[in-house]
C-alpha cells in the first residue's frame, strides 16, 4: 500500500525513512507538540516550501533546466488569492476564482517562456527567465491599483479559516480548536497531496523521459523523443505547482506583497534548500525545507543564548552575536555542501548502498 502511495519510489535507506517519518509526523502534530505562534508559522512555511522546492526540483533535478522565474509563478498564485478575495470578498468562490485565474495565467506564461526560450542553451535560458522575473516584480510594484504596490494587499479569508472562529470553547490537549488550526491542516493536506502528485509525475514514463533528457539530450532526441515538447511540459507543470504553493502561502498569511512572494531572496532560498536536501530526489525538498527554515528561524535565538552564556569571553560573545546569524547560516551551508555534496538524501542513499 505504502509502495503504491509513494509511486514505487521508496526512500531506499533505513535512516532516510526514519528521518522522513519523524519530519512528517512532526509537521502533522506541530500544533500539539510545539505550542506557540512562531512554531506554527514556521511549520506552515515549511509546508509551503516543500511544495515550492519540489516543483523546482522537477525542473532542475529531473529535467536539468535552470530557471530564475520560479518565484514569479509563486507570486502569481499568491496574488491570485489576494486580488480575488479583495475584489470579490472573503468567500470560497473568490478563492476558487483566484486559484483558477492564477493557474491559467501561469500556464500561459510558462508556455510562452518555453516556446521562445527552451530552444536556447541553459545559461541563456536562465538569463531570460531572470529578466522575465525582474520585469514581473517591477510590474507588480507599479500596478498599485491591482496589487497594492509596495504596500501589498491585506485581505480576509472565509470565516471558518480565521483565528476568531472557534469550534469548541474547551481546548483539546492544550490547543485551541479554531480556524487557524484548521488553516494549518488545510495546508498540510494540500502539501501532502501535491507532493505525492509530483512523486507520481517523476516516476511515470514521462518522468523517465525527463531524466533521459537531463542525462543526454542528444541521445534522447536521437531515439525519437521531442525534447523541446517534454521540456516545455515540464516547465508548465513546475509552474503550476509553484502557483499552488503561492496560493497556500497567501491563504496562511492573509497578506501578499512583492517582498513576500516575488523577492529574489526566495529564489536563493529555494536553490539552497534543493542543494541541502539533494537534487533529483523530491524527498530532499522535505529534508532541506525543514533543516533550512528551522535554522533560518531559530538560529538567532540559539546564538543569543550562546552569546549570553559566553559573556565572560567578550571576543567569543561578539562572534556569537545574533547579528551575525547570516555568517553562521552561510558557514552551516558550506559545511553541508562539503560533507553532503549530493545532499542529505543522496548521502544517506549512498551510505545505504555501501552497507
C-alpha atoms as a PDB file:
ATOM      1  CA  UNK A   1       0.000   0.000   0.000  1.00  0.00           C
ATOM      2  CA  UNK A   2       2.730   2.436   1.018  1.00  0.00           C
ATOM      3  CA  UNK A   3       4.744   1.458  -2.035  1.00  0.00           C
ATOM      4  CA  UNK A   4       1.805   2.371  -4.261  1.00  0.00           C
ATOM      5  CA  UNK A   5       1.180   5.692  -2.490  1.00  0.00           C
ATOM      6  CA  UNK A   6       4.840   6.627  -2.960  1.00  0.00           C
ATOM      7  CA  UNK A   7       4.744   5.603  -6.652  1.00  0.00           C
ATOM      8  CA  UNK A   8       7.306   2.825  -6.106  1.00  0.00           C
ATOM      9  CA  UNK A   9       9.857   5.438  -5.049  1.00  0.00           C
ATOM     10  CA  UNK A  10      10.715   4.339  -1.527  1.00  0.00           C
ATOM     11  CA  UNK A  11      13.416   6.162   0.479  1.00  0.00           C
ATOM     12  CA  UNK A  12      15.843   3.240  -0.164  1.00  0.00           C
ATOM     13  CA  UNK A  13      17.608   3.942   3.116  1.00  0.00           C
ATOM     14  CA  UNK A  14      16.552   2.945   6.604  1.00  0.00           C
ATOM     15  CA  UNK A  15      17.905   6.135   8.157  1.00  0.00           C
ATOM     16  CA  UNK A  16      16.273   8.274   5.487  1.00  0.00           C
ATOM     17  CA  UNK A  17      12.943   6.505   6.049  1.00  0.00           C
ATOM     18  CA  UNK A  18      13.213   7.170   9.792  1.00  0.00           C
ATOM     19  CA  UNK A  19      14.169  10.801   9.196  1.00  0.00           C
ATOM     20  CA  UNK A  20      11.271  11.373   6.793  1.00  0.00           C
ATOM     21  CA  UNK A  21       8.825   9.689   9.178  1.00  0.00           C
ATOM     22  CA  UNK A  22       9.990  11.898  12.064  1.00  0.00           C
ATOM     23  CA  UNK A  23       9.744  15.062   9.960  1.00  0.00           C
ATOM     24  CA  UNK A  24       6.303  14.258   8.531  1.00  0.00           C
ATOM     25  CA  UNK A  25       4.906  13.260  11.934  1.00  0.00           C
ATOM     26  CA  UNK A  26       6.483  16.374  13.447  1.00  0.00           C
ATOM     27  CA  UNK A  27       4.723  18.555  10.881  1.00  0.00           C
ATOM     28  CA  UNK A  28       1.464  16.666  11.361  1.00  0.00           C
ATOM     29  CA  UNK A  29       1.452  17.217  15.137  1.00  0.00           C
ATOM     30  CA  UNK A  30       3.273  20.562  15.356  1.00  0.00           C
ATOM     31  CA  UNK A  31       0.272  22.426  16.869  1.00  0.00           C
ATOM     32  CA  UNK A  32       0.162  19.909  19.737  1.00  0.00           C
ATOM     33  CA  UNK A  33       3.869  19.134  20.229  1.00  0.00           C
ATOM     34  CA  UNK A  34       5.315  22.622  19.668  1.00  0.00           C
ATOM     35  CA  UNK A  35       2.807  25.141  21.032  1.00  0.00           C
ATOM     36  CA  UNK A  36       3.199  28.787  20.168  1.00  0.00           C
ATOM     37  CA  UNK A  37       2.533  31.109  17.272  1.00  0.00           C
ATOM     38  CA  UNK A  38       6.125  31.102  15.974  1.00  0.00           C
ATOM     39  CA  UNK A  39       6.382  27.316  15.770  1.00  0.00           C
ATOM     40  CA  UNK A  40       3.088  27.111  13.885  1.00  0.00           C
ATOM     41  CA  UNK A  41       4.164  29.831  11.446  1.00  0.00           C
ATOM     42  CA  UNK A  42       7.494  28.096  10.788  1.00  0.00           C
ATOM     43  CA  UNK A  43       5.749  24.748  10.226  1.00  0.00           C
ATOM     44  CA  UNK A  44       3.256  26.353   7.821  1.00  0.00           C
ATOM     45  CA  UNK A  45       6.106  27.975   5.892  1.00  0.00           C
ATOM     46  CA  UNK A  46       7.858  24.594   5.723  1.00  0.00           C
ATOM     47  CA  UNK A  47       4.742  23.044   4.162  1.00  0.00           C
ATOM     48  CA  UNK A  48       4.594  25.810   1.549  1.00  0.00           C
ATOM     49  CA  UNK A  49       8.285  25.495   0.730  1.00  0.00           C
ATOM     50  CA  UNK A  50       8.096  21.714   0.428  1.00  0.00           C
ATOM     51  CA  UNK A  51       5.708  22.161  -2.499  1.00  0.00           C
ATOM     52  CA  UNK A  52       7.662  25.094  -3.955  1.00  0.00           C
ATOM     53  CA  UNK A  53      11.057  23.358  -3.727  1.00  0.00           C
ATOM     54  CA  UNK A  54       9.701  20.033  -5.019  1.00  0.00           C
ATOM     55  CA  UNK A  55       8.195  21.825  -8.017  1.00  0.00           C
ATOM     56  CA  UNK A  56      11.551  23.492  -8.703  1.00  0.00           C
ATOM     57  CA  UNK A  57      13.328  20.154  -8.341  1.00  0.00           C
ATOM     58  CA  UNK A  58      11.081  18.786 -11.095  1.00  0.00           C
ATOM     59  CA  UNK A  59      12.579  21.475 -13.304  1.00  0.00           C
ATOM     60  CA  UNK A  60      16.199  21.429 -12.130  1.00  0.00           C
ATOM     61  CA  UNK A  61      16.822  17.981 -10.676  1.00  0.00           C
ATOM     62  CA  UNK A  62      14.776  15.884 -13.097  1.00  0.00           C
ATOM     63  CA  UNK A  63      14.876  17.921 -16.329  1.00  0.00           C
ATOM     64  CA  UNK A  64      18.152  19.809 -15.940  1.00  0.00           C
ATOM     65  CA  UNK A  65      16.619  23.248 -16.563  1.00  0.00           C
ATOM     66  CA  UNK A  66      17.897  26.233 -14.587  1.00  0.00           C
ATOM     67  CA  UNK A  67      15.172  28.848 -14.205  1.00  0.00           C
ATOM     68  CA  UNK A  68      15.119  32.023 -12.113  1.00  0.00           C
ATOM     69  CA  UNK A  69      11.468  32.745 -12.883  1.00  0.00           C
ATOM     70  CA  UNK A  70      10.104  30.183 -10.445  1.00  0.00           C
ATOM     71  CA  UNK A  71       9.211  32.737  -7.798  1.00  0.00           C
ATOM     72  CA  UNK A  72       7.249  34.639 -10.448  1.00  0.00           C
ATOM     73  CA  UNK A  73       4.765  31.767 -10.609  1.00  0.00           C
ATOM     74  CA  UNK A  74       4.864  31.553  -6.818  1.00  0.00           C
ATOM     75  CA  UNK A  75       3.895  35.229  -6.681  1.00  0.00           C
ATOM     76  CA  UNK A  76       1.167  34.774  -9.282  1.00  0.00           C
ATOM     77  CA  UNK A  77      -0.518  32.183  -7.080  1.00  0.00           C
ATOM     78  CA  UNK A  78      -0.307  34.439  -4.027  1.00  0.00           C
ATOM     79  CA  UNK A  79      -1.564  37.497  -5.904  1.00  0.00           C
ATOM     80  CA  UNK A  80      -4.389  35.454  -7.428  1.00  0.00           C
ATOM     81  CA  UNK A  81      -5.777  34.750  -3.961  1.00  0.00           C
ATOM     82  CA  UNK A  82      -5.095  38.281  -2.695  1.00  0.00           C
ATOM     83  CA  UNK A  83      -6.699  40.130  -5.617  1.00  0.00           C
ATOM     84  CA  UNK A  84      -9.700  37.795  -5.897  1.00  0.00           C
ATOM     85  CA  UNK A  85     -10.619  37.995  -2.203  1.00  0.00           C
ATOM     86  CA  UNK A  86     -10.032  41.761  -2.142  1.00  0.00           C
ATOM     87  CA  UNK A  87     -12.363  42.299  -5.107  1.00  0.00           C
ATOM     88  CA  UNK A  88     -14.938  39.527  -4.575  1.00  0.00           C
ATOM     89  CA  UNK A  89     -14.971  39.190  -0.807  1.00  0.00           C
ATOM     90  CA  UNK A  90     -13.898  36.535   1.680  1.00  0.00           C
ATOM     91  CA  UNK A  91     -15.752  33.614   0.089  1.00  0.00           C
ATOM     92  CA  UNK A  92     -14.843  30.142  -1.143  1.00  0.00           C
ATOM     93  CA  UNK A  93     -15.923  31.205  -4.623  1.00  0.00           C
ATOM     94  CA  UNK A  94     -13.382  34.039  -4.546  1.00  0.00           C
ATOM     95  CA  UNK A  95     -10.649  31.602  -3.523  1.00  0.00           C
ATOM     96  CA  UNK A  96     -11.614  29.288  -6.390  1.00  0.00           C
ATOM     97  CA  UNK A  97     -11.606  32.168  -8.885  1.00  0.00           C
ATOM     98  CA  UNK A  98      -8.226  33.371  -7.609  1.00  0.00           C
ATOM     99  CA  UNK A  99      -6.619  29.937  -7.846  1.00  0.00           C
ATOM    100  CA  UNK A 100      -8.169  29.217 -11.243  1.00  0.00           C
ATOM    101  CA  UNK A 101      -7.151  32.565 -12.754  1.00  0.00           C
ATOM    102  CA  UNK A 102      -3.601  32.314 -11.416  1.00  0.00           C
ATOM    103  CA  UNK A 103      -3.224  28.767 -12.784  1.00  0.00           C
ATOM    104  CA  UNK A 104      -4.387  29.890 -16.240  1.00  0.00           C
ATOM    105  CA  UNK A 105      -2.009  32.877 -16.212  1.00  0.00           C
ATOM    106  CA  UNK A 106       0.904  30.707 -15.047  1.00  0.00           C
ATOM    107  CA  UNK A 107       0.156  28.131 -17.720  1.00  0.00           C
ATOM    108  CA  UNK A 108       0.176  30.775 -20.468  1.00  0.00           C
ATOM    109  CA  UNK A 109       3.359  32.454 -19.230  1.00  0.00           C
ATOM    110  CA  UNK A 110       5.185  29.136 -18.770  1.00  0.00           C
ATOM    111  CA  UNK A 111       4.110  28.066 -22.254  1.00  0.00           C
ATOM    112  CA  UNK A 112       5.321  31.331 -23.793  1.00  0.00           C
ATOM    113  CA  UNK A 113       8.645  31.173 -21.946  1.00  0.00           C
ATOM    114  CA  UNK A 114       9.075  27.556 -23.005  1.00  0.00           C
ATOM    115  CA  UNK A 115       8.076  28.263 -26.585  1.00  0.00           C
ATOM    116  CA  UNK A 116      10.554  31.097 -27.073  1.00  0.00           C
ATOM    117  CA  UNK A 117      13.343  30.203 -24.683  1.00  0.00           C
ATOM    118  CA  UNK A 118      13.826  26.456 -24.174  1.00  0.00           C
ATOM    119  CA  UNK A 119      15.466  26.049 -27.571  1.00  0.00           C
ATOM    120  CA  UNK A 120      18.472  28.067 -26.396  1.00  0.00           C
ATOM    121  CA  UNK A 121      21.324  26.839 -24.231  1.00  0.00           C
ATOM    122  CA  UNK A 122      20.923  26.535 -20.461  1.00  0.00           C
ATOM    123  CA  UNK A 123      22.742  29.716 -19.385  1.00  0.00           C
ATOM    124  CA  UNK A 124      20.861  31.862 -21.905  1.00  0.00           C
ATOM    125  CA  UNK A 125      17.541  30.379 -20.815  1.00  0.00           C
ATOM    126  CA  UNK A 126      18.430  31.155 -17.182  1.00  0.00           C
ATOM    127  CA  UNK A 127      19.186  34.768 -18.091  1.00  0.00           C
ATOM    128  CA  UNK A 128      15.904  35.097 -19.986  1.00  0.00           C
ATOM    129  CA  UNK A 129      13.915  33.775 -17.019  1.00  0.00           C
ATOM    130  CA  UNK A 130      15.775  36.156 -14.705  1.00  0.00           C
ATOM    131  CA  UNK A 131      14.821  39.093 -16.924  1.00  0.00           C
ATOM    132  CA  UNK A 132      11.180  37.988 -17.056  1.00  0.00           C
ATOM    133  CA  UNK A 133      11.038  37.557 -13.269  1.00  0.00           C
ATOM    134  CA  UNK A 134      12.582  41.010 -12.710  1.00  0.00           C
ATOM    135  CA  UNK A 135      10.104  42.587 -15.117  1.00  0.00           C
ATOM    136  CA  UNK A 136       7.183  40.909 -13.340  1.00  0.00           C
ATOM    137  CA  UNK A 137       8.443  42.104  -9.939  1.00  0.00           C
ATOM    138  CA  UNK A 138       8.620  45.669 -11.261  1.00  0.00           C
ATOM    139  CA  UNK A 139       5.156  45.344 -12.778  1.00  0.00           C
ATOM    140  CA  UNK A 140       3.681  44.082  -9.513  1.00  0.00           C
ATOM    141  CA  UNK A 141       5.266  47.005  -7.658  1.00  0.00           C
ATOM    142  CA  UNK A 142       3.929  49.569 -10.137  1.00  0.00           C
ATOM    143  CA  UNK A 143       0.327  48.366 -10.582  1.00  0.00           C
ATOM    144  CA  UNK A 144      -0.796  49.814  -7.272  1.00  0.00           C
ATOM    145  CA  UNK A 145      -4.484  49.719  -8.184  1.00  0.00           C
ATOM    146  CA  UNK A 146      -4.454  45.929  -8.572  1.00  0.00           C
ATOM    147  CA  UNK A 147      -1.565  44.675  -6.450  1.00  0.00           C
ATOM    148  CA  UNK A 148      -1.312  47.336  -3.763  1.00  0.00           C
ATOM    149  CA  UNK A 149       2.163  48.265  -4.990  1.00  0.00           C
ATOM    150  CA  UNK A 150       4.980  48.068  -2.455  1.00  0.00           C
ATOM    151  CA  UNK A 151       2.451  48.001   0.395  1.00  0.00           C
ATOM    152  CA  UNK A 152       0.834  44.801  -0.873  1.00  0.00           C
ATOM    153  CA  UNK A 153      -2.677  43.585  -0.158  1.00  0.00           C
ATOM    154  CA  UNK A 154      -4.199  42.515   3.153  1.00  0.00           C
ATOM    155  CA  UNK A 155      -7.369  40.501   2.799  1.00  0.00           C
ATOM    156  CA  UNK A 156      -9.798  38.284   4.649  1.00  0.00           C
ATOM    157  CA  UNK A 157     -10.431  34.587   4.199  1.00  0.00           C
ATOM    158  CA  UNK A 158     -13.666  32.642   4.823  1.00  0.00           C
ATOM    159  CA  UNK A 159     -14.675  32.979   8.459  1.00  0.00           C
ATOM    160  CA  UNK A 160     -14.128  29.297   9.216  1.00  0.00           C
ATOM    161  CA  UNK A 161     -10.390  29.765   8.477  1.00  0.00           C
ATOM    162  CA  UNK A 162      -9.928  32.851  10.658  1.00  0.00           C
ATOM    163  CA  UNK A 163      -8.451  32.687  14.188  1.00  0.00           C
ATOM    164  CA  UNK A 164     -11.605  34.232  15.660  1.00  0.00           C
ATOM    165  CA  UNK A 165     -13.693  31.225  14.598  1.00  0.00           C
ATOM    166  CA  UNK A 166     -13.678  28.639  17.434  1.00  0.00           C
ATOM    167  CA  UNK A 167     -15.056  25.146  17.048  1.00  0.00           C
ATOM    168  CA  UNK A 168     -15.049  24.472  20.768  1.00  0.00           C
ATOM    169  CA  UNK A 169     -14.772  26.579  23.897  1.00  0.00           C
ATOM    170  CA  UNK A 170     -12.642  23.904  25.544  1.00  0.00           C
ATOM    171  CA  UNK A 171      -9.034  23.407  24.321  1.00  0.00           C
ATOM    172  CA  UNK A 172      -8.036  19.956  23.077  1.00  0.00           C
ATOM    173  CA  UNK A 173      -4.688  18.783  24.500  1.00  0.00           C
ATOM    174  CA  UNK A 174      -3.977  22.390  25.386  1.00  0.00           C
ATOM    175  CA  UNK A 175      -4.612  23.659  21.856  1.00  0.00           C
ATOM    176  CA  UNK A 176      -7.468  25.973  20.906  1.00  0.00           C
ATOM    177  CA  UNK A 177      -9.604  24.465  18.164  1.00  0.00           C
ATOM    178  CA  UNK A 178     -10.042  27.474  15.911  1.00  0.00           C
ATOM    179  CA  UNK A 179      -9.880  28.500  12.277  1.00  0.00           C
ATOM    180  CA  UNK A 180      -6.104  28.999  12.454  1.00  0.00           C
ATOM    181  CA  UNK A 181      -5.649  25.346  13.351  1.00  0.00           C
ATOM    182  CA  UNK A 182      -7.970  24.333  10.507  1.00  0.00           C
ATOM    183  CA  UNK A 183      -5.971  26.529   8.097  1.00  0.00           C
ATOM    184  CA  UNK A 184      -2.778  24.746   9.114  1.00  0.00           C
ATOM    185  CA  UNK A 185      -4.247  21.314   8.448  1.00  0.00           C
ATOM    186  CA  UNK A 186      -5.657  22.517   5.124  1.00  0.00           C
ATOM    187  CA  UNK A 187      -2.066  23.420   4.190  1.00  0.00           C
ATOM    188  CA  UNK A 188      -0.832  20.063   5.475  1.00  0.00           C
ATOM    189  CA  UNK A 189      -3.335  18.113   3.366  1.00  0.00           C
ATOM    190  CA  UNK A 190      -2.632  20.240   0.281  1.00  0.00           C
ATOM    191  CA  UNK A 191       1.141  19.838   0.694  1.00  0.00           C
ATOM    192  CA  UNK A 192       0.770  16.073   1.084  1.00  0.00           C
ATOM    193  CA  UNK A 193      -1.458  15.688  -1.976  1.00  0.00           C
ATOM    194  CA  UNK A 194       0.693  17.945  -4.172  1.00  0.00           C
ATOM    195  CA  UNK A 195       3.923  16.256  -3.091  1.00  0.00           C
ATOM    196  CA  UNK A 196       2.520  12.791  -3.831  1.00  0.00           C
ATOM    197  CA  UNK A 197       1.308  14.074  -7.222  1.00  0.00           C
ATOM    198  CA  UNK A 198       4.818  15.295  -8.034  1.00  0.00           C
ATOM    199  CA  UNK A 199       6.220  11.982  -6.879  1.00  0.00           C
ATOM    200  CA  UNK A 200       3.862  10.222  -9.280  1.00  0.00           C
ATOM    201  CA  UNK A 201       4.882  12.505 -12.157  1.00  0.00           C
ATOM    202  CA  UNK A 202       8.630  11.910 -11.783  1.00  0.00           C
ATOM    203  CA  UNK A 203       8.139   8.142 -11.510  1.00  0.00           C
ATOM    204  CA  UNK A 204       5.874   7.908 -14.555  1.00  0.00           C
ATOM    205  CA  UNK A 205       7.109   7.192 -18.109  1.00  0.00           C
ATOM    206  CA  UNK A 206       7.010  10.951 -18.642  1.00  0.00           C
ATOM    207  CA  UNK A 207       9.344  11.448 -15.695  1.00  0.00           C
ATOM    208  CA  UNK A 208      11.739   8.796 -17.015  1.00  0.00           C
ATOM    209  CA  UNK A 209      11.961  10.658 -20.318  1.00  0.00           C
ATOM    210  CA  UNK A 210      12.763  13.873 -18.442  1.00  0.00           C
ATOM    211  CA  UNK A 211      15.623  12.123 -16.680  1.00  0.00           C
ATOM    212  CA  UNK A 212      16.869  10.765 -20.005  1.00  0.00           C
ATOM    213  CA  UNK A 213      16.863  14.305 -21.406  1.00  0.00           C
ATOM    214  CA  UNK A 214      18.759  15.527 -18.351  1.00  0.00           C
ATOM    215  CA  UNK A 215      21.427  12.850 -18.736  1.00  0.00           C
ATOM    216  CA  UNK A 216      21.886  13.094 -22.520  1.00  0.00           C
ATOM    217  CA  UNK A 217      19.668  15.420 -24.509  1.00  0.00           C
ATOM    218  CA  UNK A 218      21.195  14.421 -27.864  1.00  0.00           C
ATOM    219  CA  UNK A 219      20.622  10.702 -27.271  1.00  0.00           C
ATOM    220  CA  UNK A 220      17.025  11.269 -26.115  1.00  0.00           C
ATOM    221  CA  UNK A 221      16.299  13.229 -29.281  1.00  0.00           C
ATOM    222  CA  UNK A 222      18.064  10.635 -31.428  1.00  0.00           C
ATOM    223  CA  UNK A 223      15.748   7.837 -30.259  1.00  0.00           C
ATOM    224  CA  UNK A 224      12.656   9.848 -31.156  1.00  0.00           C
ATOM    225  CA  UNK A 225      11.657  11.985 -28.175  1.00  0.00           C
ATOM    226  CA  UNK A 226      10.726  15.598 -28.926  1.00  0.00           C
ATOM    227  CA  UNK A 227      12.966  17.209 -26.337  1.00  0.00           C
ATOM    228  CA  UNK A 228      11.534  20.728 -26.588  1.00  0.00           C
ATOM    229  CA  UNK A 229       7.992  19.420 -26.058  1.00  0.00           C
ATOM    230  CA  UNK A 230       8.959  17.434 -22.964  1.00  0.00           C
ATOM    231  CA  UNK A 231      10.952  20.316 -21.511  1.00  0.00           C
ATOM    232  CA  UNK A 232       8.082  22.737 -22.158  1.00  0.00           C
ATOM    233  CA  UNK A 233       5.565  20.422 -20.459  1.00  0.00           C
ATOM    234  CA  UNK A 234       7.940  20.011 -17.515  1.00  0.00           C
ATOM    235  CA  UNK A 235       8.279  23.791 -17.267  1.00  0.00           C
ATOM    236  CA  UNK A 236       4.491  24.207 -17.308  1.00  0.00           C
ATOM    237  CA  UNK A 237       3.894  21.540 -14.651  1.00  0.00           C
ATOM    238  CA  UNK A 238       6.578  23.042 -12.431  1.00  0.00           C
ATOM    239  CA  UNK A 239       4.999  26.496 -12.818  1.00  0.00           C
ATOM    240  CA  UNK A 240       1.529  25.218 -11.927  1.00  0.00           C
ATOM    241  CA  UNK A 241       2.732  23.540  -8.728  1.00  0.00           C
ATOM    242  CA  UNK A 242       4.672  26.689  -7.774  1.00  0.00           C
ATOM    243  CA  UNK A 243       1.471  28.695  -8.326  1.00  0.00           C
ATOM    244  CA  UNK A 244      -0.425  26.432  -5.937  1.00  0.00           C
ATOM    245  CA  UNK A 245       2.362  26.860  -3.371  1.00  0.00           C
ATOM    246  CA  UNK A 246       1.932  30.640  -3.669  1.00  0.00           C
ATOM    247  CA  UNK A 247      -1.808  30.284  -3.109  1.00  0.00           C
ATOM    248  CA  UNK A 248      -1.068  28.260   0.026  1.00  0.00           C
ATOM    249  CA  UNK A 249       1.206  30.999   1.350  1.00  0.00           C
ATOM    250  CA  UNK A 250      -1.388  33.719   0.750  1.00  0.00           C
ATOM    251  CA  UNK A 251      -4.087  31.609   2.392  1.00  0.00           C
ATOM    252  CA  UNK A 252      -1.979  31.312   5.514  1.00  0.00           C
ATOM    253  CA  UNK A 253      -0.641  34.878   5.753  1.00  0.00           C
ATOM    254  CA  UNK A 254      -3.811  36.664   4.551  1.00  0.00           C
ATOM    255  CA  UNK A 255      -1.414  39.171   3.017  1.00  0.00           C
ATOM    256  CA  UNK A 256       0.745  39.374  -0.074  1.00  0.00           C
ATOM    257  CA  UNK A 257       3.263  41.875  -1.401  1.00  0.00           C
ATOM    258  CA  UNK A 258       6.294  41.935  -3.714  1.00  0.00           C
ATOM    259  CA  UNK A 259       8.758  41.077  -0.942  1.00  0.00           C
ATOM    260  CA  UNK A 260       6.528  38.296   0.362  1.00  0.00           C
ATOM    261  CA  UNK A 261       6.325  36.132  -2.757  1.00  0.00           C
ATOM    262  CA  UNK A 262       8.334  37.727  -5.585  1.00  0.00           C
ATOM    263  CA  UNK A 263      11.615  38.544  -3.861  1.00  0.00           C
ATOM    264  CA  UNK A 264      14.795  37.169  -5.438  1.00  0.00           C
ATOM    265  CA  UNK A 265      15.824  36.107  -1.920  1.00  0.00           C
ATOM    266  CA  UNK A 266      13.084  33.459  -2.065  1.00  0.00           C
ATOM    267  CA  UNK A 267      14.649  32.103  -5.259  1.00  0.00           C
ATOM    268  CA  UNK A 268      18.010  31.886  -3.493  1.00  0.00           C
ATOM    269  CA  UNK A 269      16.404  30.098  -0.537  1.00  0.00           C
ATOM    270  CA  UNK A 270      14.850  27.584  -2.921  1.00  0.00           C
ATOM    271  CA  UNK A 271      18.222  26.910  -4.557  1.00  0.00           C
ATOM    272  CA  UNK A 272      19.879  26.447  -1.159  1.00  0.00           C
ATOM    273  CA  UNK A 273      17.171  24.046   0.004  1.00  0.00           C
ATOM    274  CA  UNK A 274      17.478  21.971  -3.181  1.00  0.00           C
ATOM    275  CA  UNK A 275      21.239  21.688  -2.693  1.00  0.00           C
ATOM    276  CA  UNK A 276      20.951  20.835   1.015  1.00  0.00           C
ATOM    277  CA  UNK A 277      18.229  18.231   0.532  1.00  0.00           C
ATOM    278  CA  UNK A 278      19.552  16.761  -2.705  1.00  0.00           C
ATOM    279  CA  UNK A 279      18.698  17.432  -6.339  1.00  0.00           C
ATOM    280  CA  UNK A 280      16.627  14.940  -8.273  1.00  0.00           C
ATOM    281  CA  UNK A 281      15.142  13.218  -5.216  1.00  0.00           C
ATOM    282  CA  UNK A 282      11.972  15.173  -4.241  1.00  0.00           C
ATOM    283  CA  UNK A 283      12.430  13.791  -0.723  1.00  0.00           C
ATOM    284  CA  UNK A 284      15.211  16.349  -0.493  1.00  0.00           C
ATOM    285  CA  UNK A 285      12.530  19.048  -0.582  1.00  0.00           C
ATOM    286  CA  UNK A 286      11.159  17.789   2.742  1.00  0.00           C
ATOM    287  CA  UNK A 287      14.527  17.375   4.448  1.00  0.00           C
ATOM    288  CA  UNK A 288      16.023  20.574   3.044  1.00  0.00           C
ATOM    289  CA  UNK A 289      12.980  22.744   3.774  1.00  0.00           C
ATOM    290  CA  UNK A 290      12.794  21.601   7.391  1.00  0.00           C
ATOM    291  CA  UNK A 291      16.522  21.999   8.066  1.00  0.00           C
ATOM    292  CA  UNK A 292      16.910  25.347   6.306  1.00  0.00           C
ATOM    293  CA  UNK A 293      13.782  27.057   7.621  1.00  0.00           C
ATOM    294  CA  UNK A 294      14.322  25.889  11.196  1.00  0.00           C
ATOM    295  CA  UNK A 295      17.910  27.173  11.033  1.00  0.00           C
ATOM    296  CA  UNK A 296      16.721  30.432   9.472  1.00  0.00           C
ATOM    297  CA  UNK A 297      14.021  30.911  12.110  1.00  0.00           C
ATOM    298  CA  UNK A 298      15.780  29.786  15.282  1.00  0.00           C
ATOM    299  CA  UNK A 299      19.495  30.359  14.666  1.00  0.00           C
ATOM    300  CA  UNK A 300      19.285  33.896  16.049  1.00  0.00           C
ATOM    301  CA  UNK A 301      17.667  32.618  19.247  1.00  0.00           C
ATOM    302  CA  UNK A 302      20.350  29.959  19.683  1.00  0.00           C
ATOM    303  CA  UNK A 303      23.121  32.481  19.064  1.00  0.00           C
ATOM    304  CA  UNK A 304      21.566  34.861  21.605  1.00  0.00           C
ATOM    305  CA  UNK A 305      21.645  32.113  24.247  1.00  0.00           C
ATOM    306  CA  UNK A 306      25.222  31.173  23.327  1.00  0.00           C
ATOM    307  CA  UNK A 307      26.314  34.823  23.395  1.00  0.00           C
ATOM    308  CA  UNK A 308      24.854  35.331  26.863  1.00  0.00           C
ATOM    309  CA  UNK A 309      26.443  32.086  28.100  1.00  0.00           C
ATOM    310  CA  UNK A 310      29.890  33.239  26.933  1.00  0.00           C
ATOM    311  CA  UNK A 311      29.606  36.802  28.258  1.00  0.00           C
ATOM    312  CA  UNK A 312      32.850  36.226  30.212  1.00  0.00           C
ATOM    313  CA  UNK A 313      34.743  35.937  26.925  1.00  0.00           C
ATOM    314  CA  UNK A 314      33.996  39.178  25.045  1.00  0.00           C
ATOM    315  CA  UNK A 315      35.578  38.048  21.755  1.00  0.00           C
ATOM    316  CA  UNK A 316      33.575  34.804  21.710  1.00  0.00           C
ATOM    317  CA  UNK A 317      30.356  36.559  22.763  1.00  0.00           C
ATOM    318  CA  UNK A 318      30.848  39.045  19.929  1.00  0.00           C
ATOM    319  CA  UNK A 319      31.460  36.204  17.470  1.00  0.00           C
ATOM    320  CA  UNK A 320      28.254  34.501  18.615  1.00  0.00           C
ATOM    321  CA  UNK A 321      26.204  37.697  18.442  1.00  0.00           C
ATOM    322  CA  UNK A 322      22.690  37.203  16.973  1.00  0.00           C
ATOM    323  CA  UNK A 323      23.527  39.957  14.483  1.00  0.00           C
ATOM    324  CA  UNK A 324      25.976  37.546  12.842  1.00  0.00           C
ATOM    325  CA  UNK A 325      23.394  34.841  12.213  1.00  0.00           C
ATOM    326  CA  UNK A 326      23.791  35.103   8.437  1.00  0.00           C
ATOM    327  CA  UNK A 327      27.512  34.378   8.812  1.00  0.00           C
ATOM    328  CA  UNK A 328      26.781  31.201  10.764  1.00  0.00           C
ATOM    329  CA  UNK A 329      23.986  30.220   8.387  1.00  0.00           C
ATOM    330  CA  UNK A 330      26.395  30.565   5.475  1.00  0.00           C
ATOM    331  CA  UNK A 331      29.005  28.526   7.335  1.00  0.00           C
ATOM    332  CA  UNK A 332      26.469  25.780   8.011  1.00  0.00           C
ATOM    333  CA  UNK A 333      25.564  25.752   4.317  1.00  0.00           C
ATOM    334  CA  UNK A 334      29.229  25.460   3.263  1.00  0.00           C
ATOM    335  CA  UNK A 335      29.730  22.574   5.693  1.00  0.00           C
ATOM    336  CA  UNK A 336      26.590  20.809   4.468  1.00  0.00           C
ATOM    337  CA  UNK A 337      27.751  21.069   0.851  1.00  0.00           C
ATOM    338  CA  UNK A 338      31.249  19.856   1.791  1.00  0.00           C
ATOM    339  CA  UNK A 339      30.106  16.822   3.768  1.00  0.00           C
ATOM    340  CA  UNK A 340      26.907  16.179   1.768  1.00  0.00           C
ATOM    341  CA  UNK A 341      27.810  17.038  -1.872  1.00  0.00           C
ATOM    342  CA  UNK A 342      24.777  15.102  -3.156  1.00  0.00           C
ATOM    343  CA  UNK A 343      22.537  16.465  -0.421  1.00  0.00           C
ATOM    344  CA  UNK A 344      21.325  14.769   2.730  1.00  0.00           C
ATOM    345  CA  UNK A 345      19.084  12.366   0.806  1.00  0.00           C
ATOM    346  CA  UNK A 346      21.807  11.461  -1.684  1.00  0.00           C
ATOM    347  CA  UNK A 347      24.344  10.852   1.099  1.00  0.00           C
ATOM    348  CA  UNK A 348      22.010   8.623   3.082  1.00  0.00           C
ATOM    349  CA  UNK A 349      21.109   6.587  -0.026  1.00  0.00           C
ATOM    350  CA  UNK A 350      24.778   6.185  -0.944  1.00  0.00           C
ATOM    351  CA  UNK A 351      25.574   5.027   2.588  1.00  0.00           C
ATOM    352  CA  UNK A 352      22.710   2.505   2.404  1.00  0.00           C
ATOM    353  CA  UNK A 353      24.087   1.059  -0.842  1.00  0.00           C
ATOM    354  CA  UNK A 354      27.557   0.678   0.641  1.00  0.00           C
ATOM    355  CA  UNK A 355      26.282  -1.022   3.787  1.00  0.00           C
END
